[in-house]
Amino acid sequence: MIVIIHMLVGALIGEKFNSIALIIILALATHFILDFIPHWDGKYNKEKFLKQKKLEIKKKILVVHMLLFLIGIFVLFEMPKPNGKYHLLLGVFFSLFPDMLNIFYLKSKNRFVHKCVNFHQRVQRNCGFLLGFSLQLIVFLILIKILF
């Protein structure tokens, strides 16, 4: 899923739950659940990653994701925060954590990081742009309705 979807789900978890442990577990679990839903991601060449262990990200796609991340930050500051910012930011952080591990994958010699990233790539379900983007737009609109 695109970054803003993970951010909004993490924010929703942080808003609804008081337990820090539960927020972390749910944010991580929902990341993988969302990535299992067929979607258009466009961030990397999955086949090349799985075969050659090389992570390539197109600059245009990276720029789009960074813009969506900034929009997500704006949305987070505009939404009500009954549990305070700490729980909300914790949910966002851990909902993005599996994607952040991808960034550290190439530099890391840690076997745990490698296992986590490989699991993440196997869970990921991509599809064409039209279907994938449409599904994400529907999820995004539902999340906005729930959050506001």
C-alpha atoms as a PDB file:
ATOM      1  CA  MET A   1       0.000   0.000   0.000  1.00  0.00           C
ATOM      2  CA  ILE A   2       1.077   3.562  -0.438  1.00  0.00           C
ATOM      3  CA  VAL A   3       2.581   5.247   2.591  1.00  0.00           C
ATOM      4  CA  ILE A   4      -0.433   7.421   3.439  1.00  0.00           C
ATOM      5  CA  ILE A   5      -2.691   4.354   3.891  1.00  0.00           C
ATOM      6  CA  HIS A   6      -0.298   2.821   6.419  1.00  0.00           C
ATOM      7  CA  MET A   7       0.022   6.174   8.198  1.00  0.00           C
ATOM      8  CA  LEU A   8      -3.733   6.632   8.536  1.00  0.00           C
ATOM      9  CA  VAL A   9      -4.287   3.088   9.790  1.00  0.00           C
ATOM     10  CA  GLY A  10      -1.481   3.548  12.330  1.00  0.00           C
ATOM     11  CA  ALA A  11      -3.019   6.852  13.418  1.00  0.00           C
ATOM     12  CA  LEU A  12      -6.421   5.204  13.806  1.00  0.00           C
ATOM     13  CA  ILE A  13      -4.895   2.457  15.955  1.00  0.00           C
ATOM     14  CA  GLY A  14      -3.052   5.016  18.072  1.00  0.00           C
ATOM     15  CA  GLU A  15      -6.255   6.993  18.487  1.00  0.00           C
ATOM     16  CA  LYS A  16      -8.427   4.035  19.507  1.00  0.00           C
ATOM     17  CA  PHE A  17      -6.149   2.118  21.883  1.00  0.00           C
ATOM     18  CA  ASN A  18      -4.392   3.087  25.122  1.00  0.00           C
ATOM     19  CA  SER A  19      -2.047   0.106  25.462  1.00  0.00           C
ATOM     20  CA  ILE A  20       1.370   0.828  23.953  1.00  0.00           C
ATOM     21  CA  ALA A  21       2.062  -2.872  23.396  1.00  0.00           C
ATOM     22  CA  LEU A  22      -1.291  -3.325  21.645  1.00  0.00           C
ATOM     23  CA  ILE A  23      -0.674  -0.268  19.457  1.00  0.00           C
ATOM     24  CA  ILE A  24       2.711  -1.647  18.357  1.00  0.00           C
ATOM     25  CA  ILE A  25       1.372  -5.161  17.658  1.00  0.00           C
ATOM     26  CA  LEU A  26      -1.712  -3.947  15.773  1.00  0.00           C
ATOM     27  CA  ALA A  27       0.225  -1.365  13.748  1.00  0.00           C
ATOM     28  CA  LEU A  28       2.754  -3.992  12.640  1.00  0.00           C
ATOM     29  CA  ALA A  29       0.080  -6.620  11.923  1.00  0.00           C
ATOM     30  CA  THR A  30      -2.115  -4.265   9.910  1.00  0.00           C
ATOM     31  CA  HIS A  31       0.861  -3.279   7.759  1.00  0.00           C
ATOM     32  CA  PHE A  32       1.187  -6.862   6.549  1.00  0.00           C
ATOM     33  CA  ILE A  33      -2.576  -7.318   6.236  1.00  0.00           C
ATOM     34  CA  LEU A  34      -2.824  -4.197   4.072  1.00  0.00           C
ATOM     35  CA  ASP A  35       0.136  -5.278   1.938  1.00  0.00           C
ATOM     36  CA  PHE A  36      -1.555  -8.646   1.382  1.00  0.00           C
ATOM     37  CA  ILE A  37      -4.477  -6.863  -0.326  1.00  0.00           C
ATOM     38  CA  PRO A  38      -3.647  -6.592  -4.040  1.00  0.00           C
ATOM     39  CA  HIS A  39      -2.512  -3.038  -4.721  1.00  0.00           C
ATOM     40  CA  TRP A  40      -0.315  -0.903  -6.920  1.00  0.00           C
ATOM     41  CA  ASP A  41       2.826   0.076  -5.099  1.00  0.00           C
ATOM     42  CA  GLY A  42       5.224   1.085  -7.811  1.00  0.00           C
ATOM     43  CA  LYS A  43       8.121   1.466  -5.379  1.00  0.00           C
ATOM     44  CA  TYR A  44      10.438  -1.322  -6.386  1.00  0.00           C
ATOM     45  CA  ASN A  45      11.071  -4.252  -8.687  1.00  0.00           C
ATOM     46  CA  LYS A  46       9.860  -7.148  -6.513  1.00  0.00           C
ATOM     47  CA  GLU A  47      11.118  -9.936  -8.778  1.00  0.00           C
ATOM     48  CA  LYS A  48      14.632  -8.469  -8.902  1.00  0.00           C
ATOM     49  CA  PHE A  49      14.591  -8.021  -5.135  1.00  0.00           C
ATOM     50  CA  LEU A  50      13.574 -11.626  -4.470  1.00  0.00           C
ATOM     51  CA  LYS A  51      16.042 -13.124  -6.980  1.00  0.00           C
ATOM     52  CA  GLN A  52      19.065 -10.838  -6.737  1.00  0.00           C
ATOM     53  CA  LYS A  53      18.515  -9.241  -3.303  1.00  0.00           C
ATOM     54  CA  LYS A  54      18.803  -5.780  -4.879  1.00  0.00           C
ATOM     55  CA  LEU A  55      16.356  -3.072  -3.898  1.00  0.00           C
ATOM     56  CA  GLU A  56      15.718  -0.564  -6.681  1.00  0.00           C
ATOM     57  CA  ILE A  57      13.367   2.363  -6.214  1.00  0.00           C
ATOM     58  CA  LYS A  58      12.528   4.721  -9.074  1.00  0.00           C
ATOM     59  CA  LYS A  59      13.141   8.376  -8.239  1.00  0.00           C
ATOM     60  CA  LYS A  60       9.713   9.506  -9.510  1.00  0.00           C
ATOM     61  CA  ILE A  61       7.948   6.944  -7.332  1.00  0.00           C
ATOM     62  CA  LEU A  62      10.063   7.917  -4.331  1.00  0.00           C
ATOM     63  CA  VAL A  63       9.126  11.588  -4.823  1.00  0.00           C
ATOM     64  CA  VAL A  64       5.405  10.689  -5.036  1.00  0.00           C
ATOM     65  CA  HIS A  65       5.642   8.650  -1.835  1.00  0.00           C
ATOM     66  CA  MET A  66       7.453  11.486  -0.058  1.00  0.00           C
ATOM     67  CA  LEU A  67       4.701  13.918  -1.112  1.00  0.00           C
ATOM     68  CA  LEU A  68       2.053  11.486   0.138  1.00  0.00           C
ATOM     69  CA  PHE A  69       3.998  11.188   3.384  1.00  0.00           C
ATOM     70  CA  LEU A  70       3.915  14.983   3.803  1.00  0.00           C
ATOM     71  CA  ILE A  71       0.175  15.028   3.061  1.00  0.00           C
ATOM     72  CA  GLY A  72      -0.221  12.277   5.665  1.00  0.00           C
ATOM     73  CA  ILE A  73       1.634  14.397   8.231  1.00  0.00           C
ATOM     74  CA  PHE A  74      -0.720  17.307   7.482  1.00  0.00           C
ATOM     75  CA  VAL A  75      -3.765  15.038   7.915  1.00  0.00           C
ATOM     76  CA  LEU A  76      -2.394  13.741  11.218  1.00  0.00           C
ATOM     77  CA  PHE A  77      -2.041  17.263  12.592  1.00  0.00           C
ATOM     78  CA  GLU A  78      -5.604  18.084  11.554  1.00  0.00           C
ATOM     79  CA  MET A  79      -7.294  15.025  13.081  1.00  0.00           C
ATOM     80  CA  PRO A  80      -8.650  14.911  16.649  1.00  0.00           C
ATOM     81  CA  LYS A  81      -6.249  13.296  19.140  1.00  0.00           C
ATOM     82  CA  PRO A  82      -8.179  12.001  22.182  1.00  0.00           C
ATOM     83  CA  ASN A  83      -5.226   9.848  23.356  1.00  0.00           C
ATOM     84  CA  GLY A  84      -2.698  12.569  22.625  1.00  0.00           C
ATOM     85  CA  LYS A  85       0.007  12.759  19.993  1.00  0.00           C
ATOM     86  CA  TYR A  86       2.255  10.103  21.538  1.00  0.00           C
ATOM     87  CA  HIS A  87      -0.109   7.164  20.917  1.00  0.00           C
ATOM     88  CA  LEU A  88      -0.958   8.429  17.459  1.00  0.00           C
ATOM     89  CA  LEU A  89       2.688   8.848  16.426  1.00  0.00           C
ATOM     90  CA  LEU A  90       3.563   5.455  17.896  1.00  0.00           C
ATOM     91  CA  GLY A  91       0.859   3.853  15.739  1.00  0.00           C
ATOM     92  CA  VAL A  92       2.105   5.698  12.651  1.00  0.00           C
ATOM     93  CA  PHE A  93       5.739   4.794  13.303  1.00  0.00           C
ATOM     94  CA  PHE A  94       5.098   1.066  13.714  1.00  0.00           C
ATOM     95  CA  SER A  95       2.665   0.961  10.801  1.00  0.00           C
ATOM     96  CA  LEU A  96       5.519   2.252   8.613  1.00  0.00           C
ATOM     97  CA  PHE A  97       8.268   0.222  10.292  1.00  0.00           C
ATOM     98  CA  PRO A  98       8.250  -2.749   7.859  1.00  0.00           C
ATOM     99  CA  ASP A  99       8.776  -0.337   4.949  1.00  0.00           C
ATOM    100  CA  MET A 100      11.542   1.436   6.862  1.00  0.00           C
ATOM    101  CA  LEU A 101      13.332  -1.899   7.253  1.00  0.00           C
ATOM    102  CA  ASN A 102      13.529  -2.091   3.455  1.00  0.00           C
ATOM    103  CA  ILE A 103      15.675   1.041   3.510  1.00  0.00           C
ATOM    104  CA  PHE A 104      18.130  -0.490   5.995  1.00  0.00           C
ATOM    105  CA  TYR A 105      18.110  -3.897   4.312  1.00  0.00           C
ATOM    106  CA  LEU A 106      20.996  -3.242   1.926  1.00  0.00           C
ATOM    107  CA  LYS A 107      23.254  -1.805   4.637  1.00  0.00           C
ATOM    108  CA  SER A 108      22.421  -4.367   7.304  1.00  0.00           C
ATOM    109  CA  LYS A 109      24.277  -7.558   8.095  1.00  0.00           C
ATOM    110  CA  ASN A 110      21.627  -8.503  10.668  1.00  0.00           C
ATOM    111  CA  ARG A 111      19.900 -11.813   9.859  1.00  0.00           C
ATOM    112  CA  PHE A 112      16.731 -10.759  11.674  1.00  0.00           C
ATOM    113  CA  VAL A 113      16.385  -7.695   9.427  1.00  0.00           C
ATOM    114  CA  HIS A 114      16.931  -9.879   6.360  1.00  0.00           C
ATOM    115  CA  LYS A 115      14.269 -12.364   7.505  1.00  0.00           C
ATOM    116  CA  CYS A 116      11.774  -9.567   8.221  1.00  0.00           C
ATOM    117  CA  VAL A 117      12.317  -7.948   4.828  1.00  0.00           C
ATOM    118  CA  ASN A 118      12.063 -11.273   3.001  1.00  0.00           C
ATOM    119  CA  PHE A 119       8.793 -12.043   4.819  1.00  0.00           C
ATOM    120  CA  HIS A 120       7.474  -8.585   3.943  1.00  0.00           C
ATOM    121  CA  GLN A 121       8.288  -9.077   0.262  1.00  0.00           C
ATOM    122  CA  ARG A 122       6.547 -12.473   0.185  1.00  0.00           C
ATOM    123  CA  VAL A 123       3.396 -11.002   1.768  1.00  0.00           C
ATOM    124  CA  GLN A 124       3.259  -8.062  -0.644  1.00  0.00           C
ATOM    125  CA  ARG A 125       0.585  -8.454  -3.361  1.00  0.00           C
ATOM    126  CA  ASN A 126       0.885  -6.138  -6.330  1.00  0.00           C
ATOM    127  CA  CYS A 127      -1.483  -5.665  -9.232  1.00  0.00           C
ATOM    128  CA  GLY A 128      -1.919  -3.254 -12.116  1.00  0.00           C
ATOM    129  CA  PHE A 129      -2.153   0.486 -11.612  1.00  0.00           C
ATOM    130  CA  LEU A 130      -5.888   0.945 -12.299  1.00  0.00           C
ATOM    131  CA  LEU A 131      -7.168  -1.815  -9.996  1.00  0.00           C
ATOM    132  CA  GLY A 132      -4.470  -1.279  -7.365  1.00  0.00           C
ATOM    133  CA  PHE A 133      -4.841   2.475  -7.173  1.00  0.00           C
ATOM    134  CA  SER A 134      -8.663   2.197  -7.159  1.00  0.00           C
ATOM    135  CA  LEU A 135      -8.592  -0.212  -4.205  1.00  0.00           C
ATOM    136  CA  GLN A 136      -6.241   2.107  -2.318  1.00  0.00           C
ATOM    137  CA  LEU A 137      -8.436   5.114  -3.053  1.00  0.00           C
ATOM    138  CA  ILE A 138     -11.432   3.264  -1.596  1.00  0.00           C
ATOM    139  CA  VAL A 139      -9.430   2.333   1.530  1.00  0.00           C
ATOM    140  CA  PHE A 140      -8.193   5.943   1.813  1.00  0.00           C
ATOM    141  CA  LEU A 141     -11.728   7.383   1.631  1.00  0.00           C
ATOM    142  CA  ILE A 142     -12.990   4.912   4.238  1.00  0.00           C
ATOM    143  CA  LEU A 143     -10.116   5.829   6.571  1.00  0.00           C
ATOM    144  CA  ILE A 144     -10.746   9.571   6.158  1.00  0.00           C
ATOM    145  CA  LYS A 145     -14.438   9.037   6.948  1.00  0.00           C
ATOM    146  CA  ILE A 146     -13.562   7.032  10.079  1.00  0.00           C
ATOM    147  CA  LEU A 147     -10.893   9.486  11.270  1.00  0.00           C
ATOM    148  CA  PHE A 148     -12.957  12.623  10.771  1.00  0.00           C
END
